Amino acid sequence: MKKRTFDLIFIIFSTLILITLSEYGLLEKYMAFSLIPILIAYQLGQYSERKFKK
């Protein structure tokens, strides 16, 4: 799997989760936990950089 493909899959998956949470009104309720997805995205980026390094 190429890094670009991995990035696109992650972006689509994250977008679907955010749209779902927005539709149910959970984003306003749990704004304090917004740092967790950012940290997960950072860690996945670090993993993909090491895994797909040329």
Protein backbone atom coordinates (compact mmCIF):
# COMPACT_ATOMS: atom_id res chain seq x y z
CA MET A 1 0.00 0.00 0.00
CA LYS A 2 1.40 3.36 -0.99
CA LYS A 3 1.55 6.29 1.40
CA ARG A 4 -0.83 8.34 -0.74
CA THR A 5 -3.43 5.56 -0.71
CA PHE A 6 -3.09 5.23 3.06
CA ASP A 7 -3.56 9.00 3.44
CA LEU A 8 -6.67 9.03 1.25
CA ILE A 9 -8.23 6.12 3.15
CA PHE A 10 -7.57 7.88 6.46
CA ILE A 11 -9.04 11.16 5.22
CA ILE A 12 -12.20 9.47 3.95
CA PHE A 13 -12.60 7.45 7.16
CA SER A 14 -12.11 10.54 9.35
CA THR A 15 -14.58 12.54 7.28
CA LEU A 16 -17.23 9.84 7.60
CA ILE A 17 -16.79 9.73 11.37
CA LEU A 18 -17.01 13.53 11.70
CA ILE A 19 -20.11 13.71 9.50
CA THR A 20 -21.77 10.98 11.55
CA LEU A 21 -20.94 12.70 14.84
CA SER A 22 -22.17 16.01 13.47
CA GLU A 23 -25.49 14.52 12.35
CA TYR A 24 -26.17 13.17 15.84
CA GLY A 25 -25.09 16.41 17.51
CA LEU A 26 -22.23 14.84 19.45
CA LEU A 27 -19.55 17.27 18.32
CA GLU A 28 -20.88 20.12 20.43
CA LYS A 29 -21.35 17.90 23.45
CA TYR A 30 -17.84 16.41 23.51
CA MET A 31 -15.68 19.30 22.30
CA ALA A 32 -13.21 18.70 25.16
CA PHE A 33 -12.20 15.38 23.60
CA SER A 34 -11.28 16.91 20.24
CA LEU A 35 -7.57 16.52 20.97
CA ILE A 36 -7.79 12.72 20.89
CA PRO A 37 -8.48 12.39 17.11
CA ILE A 38 -5.72 14.90 16.40
CA LEU A 39 -3.25 12.80 18.40
CA ILE A 40 -4.42 9.62 16.67
CA ALA A 41 -3.95 11.27 13.27
CA TYR A 42 -0.45 12.37 14.27
CA GLN A 43 0.52 8.88 15.42
CA LEU A 44 -0.88 7.31 12.24
CA GLY A 45 1.11 9.82 10.20
CA GLN A 46 4.28 8.89 12.05
CA TYR A 47 3.55 5.18 11.53
CA SER A 48 2.87 5.60 7.81
CA GLU A 49 6.06 7.66 7.41
CA ARG A 50 8.14 4.86 8.94
CA LYS A 51 6.24 2.05 7.17
CA PHE A 52 6.20 3.54 3.67
CA LYS A 53 9.58 5.24 3.72
CA LYS A 54 11.49 4.73 0.47
